Structure formats: C-alpha cells, structure tokens
Amino acid sequence: MDPFQNMQDWRKNLDQFFGNDFWGEFEGILKPQIPQVNVYKSENEILCYVNVPGLDDIDKVDVYVDYTTLELTGVISLQSPHQQLVQEEILQGSFERKIELPYPVRGDKINATYRNGLLIIQLHRLIQQETNKQRIHIRNLEE
C-alpha cells in the first residue's frame, strides 16, 4: 500500500468538498517562498543575501528597489538532461518576491553581485524623501 496514495485521496476529497481552489489559500504556508532571502541591517546599510543556486545567466534575475521595497523576479532552473528526477529538495521555478525593507533606501547607491549561488545586494539608507523604482545591474563574479 502506497502511504502517499491516502494523502492524494484525502486531498481530492477536500477539493471536491471545498472547491478546486481550496489549496490555493494555503499555498504560501505549505510551500516555502523562493528565493530564500536573509536581510541584515546596520544604522545606514542593508545587506540582502538571496539564495539563487545554479544561475548560469544573471539576466534571468531582475532586482528592483523602490523606497522601502526590494522586488526580485526571475527563474531558478536546475536541469540534468537525460536523467529522471528522483528527489527534489532544492526549490525551483519562476519567482516573484517583494521584501519590505526596514527603512527607505537610496536609489543611486546600490550594488548587486552574484557569487557562489548567492546574490548579494547592498543598499544604503535614504536620508531625504525620494521614491523611484529602478532596475539594478548584477555583476557576475564567477567569470
């Protein structure tokens, strides 16, 4: 007996009872968001470490900053041609994340680098009030 078959049957029954969009309400709780992000702050600087494994083209990730929001969009794609996936623990696929920053940041003093699977974004505190969303260039340090 397949123990996962019971779980699939249970899920089908809930879908039939509550409707097909029942699980959509819990998607964010049941499935961790990608990419994973650590945010560190000091008095005037924020460092964001973004976990983006296997990125072979930095143009597959876009980083935008607007006042107190960091926005990340892109694709994490880990493929092994001619082989069948047996176990998947590294989350992949298209992503779109908005991270609320602890304070407003400057749009003119931002650095983004990619190295060893981590995208590191350095932001600086905004002293005066100005807002404008802008795309950030990422430098690839592995070349």
C-alpha atoms as a PDB file:
ATOM      1  CA  MET A   1       0.000   0.000   0.000  1.00  0.00           C
ATOM      2  CA  ASP A   2       1.322   3.420  -1.000  1.00  0.00           C
ATOM      3  CA  PRO A   3       1.156   5.773   2.030  1.00  0.00           C
ATOM      4  CA  PHE A   4       1.076   8.788  -0.277  1.00  0.00           C
ATOM      5  CA  GLN A   5      -1.983   7.462  -2.096  1.00  0.00           C
ATOM      6  CA  ASN A   6      -4.034   8.034   1.064  1.00  0.00           C
ATOM      7  CA  MET A   7      -2.814  11.639   1.154  1.00  0.00           C
ATOM      8  CA  GLN A   8      -3.712  12.165  -2.512  1.00  0.00           C
ATOM      9  CA  ASP A   9      -7.177  10.686  -1.943  1.00  0.00           C
ATOM     10  CA  TRP A  10      -7.656  12.926   1.094  1.00  0.00           C
ATOM     11  CA  ARG A  11      -6.646  15.985  -0.946  1.00  0.00           C
ATOM     12  CA  LYS A  12      -9.064  15.062  -3.765  1.00  0.00           C
ATOM     13  CA  ASN A  13     -11.898  14.710  -1.256  1.00  0.00           C
ATOM     14  CA  LEU A  14     -11.158  18.143   0.213  1.00  0.00           C
ATOM     15  CA  ASP A  15     -11.026  19.641  -3.299  1.00  0.00           C
ATOM     16  CA  GLN A  16     -14.427  18.140  -4.096  1.00  0.00           C
ATOM     17  CA  PHE A  17     -15.931  19.323  -0.823  1.00  0.00           C
ATOM     18  CA  PHE A  18     -14.448  22.858  -0.646  1.00  0.00           C
ATOM     19  CA  GLY A  19     -13.787  23.520  -4.352  1.00  0.00           C
ATOM     20  CA  ASN A  20     -10.721  23.286  -6.552  1.00  0.00           C
ATOM     21  CA  ASP A  21      -9.173  26.495  -5.230  1.00  0.00           C
ATOM     22  CA  PHE A  22      -9.179  25.263  -1.614  1.00  0.00           C
ATOM     23  CA  TRP A  23      -5.415  24.609  -1.515  1.00  0.00           C
ATOM     24  CA  GLY A  24      -4.578  27.964  -3.106  1.00  0.00           C
ATOM     25  CA  GLU A  25      -5.339  29.671   0.208  1.00  0.00           C
ATOM     26  CA  PHE A  26      -2.645  27.604   1.929  1.00  0.00           C
ATOM     27  CA  GLU A  27      -0.027  27.632  -0.848  1.00  0.00           C
ATOM     28  CA  GLY A  28       2.154  30.262   0.854  1.00  0.00           C
ATOM     29  CA  ILE A  29       2.047  28.389   4.154  1.00  0.00           C
ATOM     30  CA  LEU A  30       2.659  24.896   2.786  1.00  0.00           C
ATOM     31  CA  LYS A  31       5.280  25.814   0.191  1.00  0.00           C
ATOM     32  CA  PRO A  32       8.236  27.991   1.193  1.00  0.00           C
ATOM     33  CA  GLN A  33       8.820  31.077  -0.911  1.00  0.00           C
ATOM     34  CA  ILE A  34      11.708  31.214  -3.346  1.00  0.00           C
ATOM     35  CA  PRO A  35      14.248  32.545  -3.434  1.00  0.00           C
ATOM     36  CA  GLN A  36      15.191  32.467   0.220  1.00  0.00           C
ATOM     37  CA  VAL A  37      16.380  35.861   1.462  1.00  0.00           C
ATOM     38  CA  ASN A  38      18.323  36.973   4.536  1.00  0.00           C
ATOM     39  CA  VAL A  39      18.218  40.712   5.293  1.00  0.00           C
ATOM     40  CA  TYR A  40      20.780  42.343   7.592  1.00  0.00           C
ATOM     41  CA  LYS A  41      20.784  45.977   8.649  1.00  0.00           C
ATOM     42  CA  SER A  42      23.030  48.451  10.372  1.00  0.00           C
ATOM     43  CA  GLU A  43      22.318  52.103  11.046  1.00  0.00           C
ATOM     44  CA  ASN A  44      22.814  53.178   7.406  1.00  0.00           C
ATOM     45  CA  GLU A  45      23.227  50.000   5.349  1.00  0.00           C
ATOM     46  CA  ILE A  46      21.163  46.945   4.409  1.00  0.00           C
ATOM     47  CA  LEU A  47      22.655  43.716   3.031  1.00  0.00           C
ATOM     48  CA  CYS A  48      20.349  41.212   1.352  1.00  0.00           C
ATOM     49  CA  TYR A  49      21.602  37.691   0.658  1.00  0.00           C
ATOM     50  CA  VAL A  50      19.427  35.947  -1.922  1.00  0.00           C
ATOM     51  CA  ASN A  51      19.770  32.178  -2.473  1.00  0.00           C
ATOM     52  CA  VAL A  52      19.760  31.630  -6.260  1.00  0.00           C
ATOM     53  CA  PRO A  53      21.525  28.299  -6.937  1.00  0.00           C
ATOM     54  CA  GLY A  54      22.714  27.255 -10.372  1.00  0.00           C
ATOM     55  CA  LEU A  55      22.184  30.620 -12.013  1.00  0.00           C
ATOM     56  CA  ASP A  56      24.008  30.394 -15.351  1.00  0.00           C
ATOM     57  CA  ASP A  57      22.741  33.724 -16.692  1.00  0.00           C
ATOM     58  CA  ILE A  58      22.372  36.727 -14.394  1.00  0.00           C
ATOM     59  CA  ASP A  59      19.911  38.214 -16.874  1.00  0.00           C
ATOM     60  CA  LYS A  60      17.391  35.601 -15.623  1.00  0.00           C
ATOM     61  CA  VAL A  61      17.031  37.626 -12.413  1.00  0.00           C
ATOM     62  CA  ASP A  62      15.724  41.175 -12.100  1.00  0.00           C
ATOM     63  CA  VAL A  63      16.192  43.268  -8.984  1.00  0.00           C
ATOM     64  CA  TYR A  64      14.173  46.439  -8.396  1.00  0.00           C
ATOM     65  CA  VAL A  65      14.309  48.850  -5.491  1.00  0.00           C
ATOM     66  CA  ASP A  66      11.621  51.384  -4.689  1.00  0.00           C
ATOM     67  CA  TYR A  67      11.864  53.354  -1.441  1.00  0.00           C
ATOM     68  CA  THR A  68      11.234  50.599   1.156  1.00  0.00           C
ATOM     69  CA  THR A  69      10.617  47.670  -1.183  1.00  0.00           C
ATOM     70  CA  LEU A  70      13.054  45.217  -2.753  1.00  0.00           C
ATOM     71  CA  GLU A  71      11.483  43.284  -5.628  1.00  0.00           C
ATOM     72  CA  LEU A  72      13.017  40.107  -7.072  1.00  0.00           C
ATOM     73  CA  THR A  73      11.774  38.311 -10.181  1.00  0.00           C
ATOM     74  CA  GLY A  74      13.323  35.519 -12.193  1.00  0.00           C
ATOM     75  CA  VAL A  75      13.718  31.810 -12.726  1.00  0.00           C
ATOM     76  CA  ILE A  76      15.657  29.133 -10.849  1.00  0.00           C
ATOM     77  CA  SER A  77      16.108  26.180 -13.162  1.00  0.00           C
ATOM     78  CA  LEU A  78      18.209  23.171 -12.225  1.00  0.00           C
ATOM     79  CA  GLN A  79      18.165  20.613 -15.012  1.00  0.00           C
ATOM     80  CA  SER A  80      20.008  17.362 -15.536  1.00  0.00           C
ATOM     81  CA  PRO A  81      19.437  16.352 -19.160  1.00  0.00           C
ATOM     82  CA  HIS A  82      18.863  12.691 -19.926  1.00  0.00           C
ATOM     83  CA  GLN A  83      18.173  11.863 -16.268  1.00  0.00           C
ATOM     84  CA  GLN A  84      14.981  11.434 -14.282  1.00  0.00           C
ATOM     85  CA  LEU A  85      14.444  13.440 -11.100  1.00  0.00           C
ATOM     86  CA  VAL A  86      14.200  11.084  -8.118  1.00  0.00           C
ATOM     87  CA  GLN A  87      14.198  13.515  -5.188  1.00  0.00           C
ATOM     88  CA  GLU A  88      13.680  17.275  -5.227  1.00  0.00           C
ATOM     89  CA  GLU A  89      14.533  19.437  -2.226  1.00  0.00           C
ATOM     90  CA  ILE A  90      16.009  22.495  -3.951  1.00  0.00           C
ATOM     91  CA  LEU A  91      13.046  24.674  -4.849  1.00  0.00           C
ATOM     92  CA  GLN A  92      13.000  25.919  -8.422  1.00  0.00           C
ATOM     93  CA  GLY A  93      10.774  27.644 -10.915  1.00  0.00           C
ATOM     94  CA  SER A  94       9.639  31.181 -11.623  1.00  0.00           C
ATOM     95  CA  PHE A  95       9.584  33.529  -8.684  1.00  0.00           C
ATOM     96  CA  GLU A  96       8.438  36.990  -7.731  1.00  0.00           C
ATOM     97  CA  ARG A  97       9.156  38.306  -4.256  1.00  0.00           C
ATOM     98  CA  LYS A  98       8.647  41.655  -2.626  1.00  0.00           C
ATOM     99  CA  ILE A  99      10.644  42.265   0.518  1.00  0.00           C
ATOM    100  CA  GLU A 100       9.761  45.168   2.802  1.00  0.00           C
ATOM    101  CA  LEU A 101      12.968  46.877   3.863  1.00  0.00           C
ATOM    102  CA  PRO A 102      13.458  48.188   7.416  1.00  0.00           C
ATOM    103  CA  TYR A 103      13.883  51.775   6.173  1.00  0.00           C
ATOM    104  CA  PRO A 104      13.865  53.779   2.903  1.00  0.00           C
ATOM    105  CA  VAL A 105      16.939  53.299   0.714  1.00  0.00           C
ATOM    106  CA  ARG A 106      18.772  55.411  -1.840  1.00  0.00           C
ATOM    107  CA  GLY A 107      18.179  54.608  -5.497  1.00  0.00           C
ATOM    108  CA  ASP A 108      21.560  55.906  -6.648  1.00  0.00           C
ATOM    109  CA  LYS A 109      23.892  53.927  -4.374  1.00  0.00           C
ATOM    110  CA  ILE A 110      23.110  50.223  -4.840  1.00  0.00           C
ATOM    111  CA  ASN A 111      25.440  47.309  -5.538  1.00  0.00           C
ATOM    112  CA  ALA A 112      24.437  43.787  -6.558  1.00  0.00           C
ATOM    113  CA  THR A 113      26.867  40.903  -7.094  1.00  0.00           C
ATOM    114  CA  TYR A 114      26.432  37.178  -7.715  1.00  0.00           C
ATOM    115  CA  ARG A 115      28.918  34.657  -6.378  1.00  0.00           C
ATOM    116  CA  ASN A 116      28.745  31.003  -5.317  1.00  0.00           C
ATOM    117  CA  GLY A 117      24.972  30.809  -5.674  1.00  0.00           C
ATOM    118  CA  LEU A 118      24.276  33.951  -3.648  1.00  0.00           C
ATOM    119  CA  LEU A 119      23.053  37.274  -4.953  1.00  0.00           C
ATOM    120  CA  ILE A 120      24.290  39.968  -2.557  1.00  0.00           C
ATOM    121  CA  ILE A 121      22.506  43.319  -2.669  1.00  0.00           C
ATOM    122  CA  GLN A 122      23.962  46.278  -0.784  1.00  0.00           C
ATOM    123  CA  LEU A 123      21.590  49.175  -0.090  1.00  0.00           C
ATOM    124  CA  HIS A 124      22.149  52.495   1.689  1.00  0.00           C
ATOM    125  CA  ARG A 125      19.735  54.406   3.881  1.00  0.00           C
ATOM    126  CA  LEU A 126      17.857  57.300   2.289  1.00  0.00           C
ATOM    127  CA  ILE A 127      18.183  60.480   4.304  1.00  0.00           C
ATOM    128  CA  GLN A 128      15.908  62.677   2.167  1.00  0.00           C
ATOM    129  CA  GLN A 129      12.487  61.673   0.869  1.00  0.00           C
ATOM    130  CA  GLU A 130      12.502  60.483  -2.765  1.00  0.00           C
ATOM    131  CA  THR A 131      11.000  57.466  -4.492  1.00  0.00           C
ATOM    132  CA  ASN A 132      11.578  55.897  -7.862  1.00  0.00           C
ATOM    133  CA  LYS A 133      11.668  52.225  -8.770  1.00  0.00           C
ATOM    134  CA  GLN A 134      14.771  51.250 -10.704  1.00  0.00           C
ATOM    135  CA  ARG A 135      16.320  48.070 -12.101  1.00  0.00           C
ATOM    136  CA  ILE A 136      19.676  47.094 -10.581  1.00  0.00           C
ATOM    137  CA  HIS A 137      22.581  45.695 -12.630  1.00  0.00           C
ATOM    138  CA  ILE A 138      24.101  42.447 -11.247  1.00  0.00           C
ATOM    139  CA  ARG A 139      27.804  41.734 -11.706  1.00  0.00           C
ATOM    140  CA  ASN A 140      28.831  38.082 -12.140  1.00  0.00           C
ATOM    141  CA  LEU A 141      31.991  37.437 -10.101  1.00  0.00           C
ATOM    142  CA  GLU A 142      32.382  33.883 -11.387  1.00  0.00           C
ATOM    143  CA  GLU A 143      33.641  34.878 -14.833  1.00  0.00           C
END
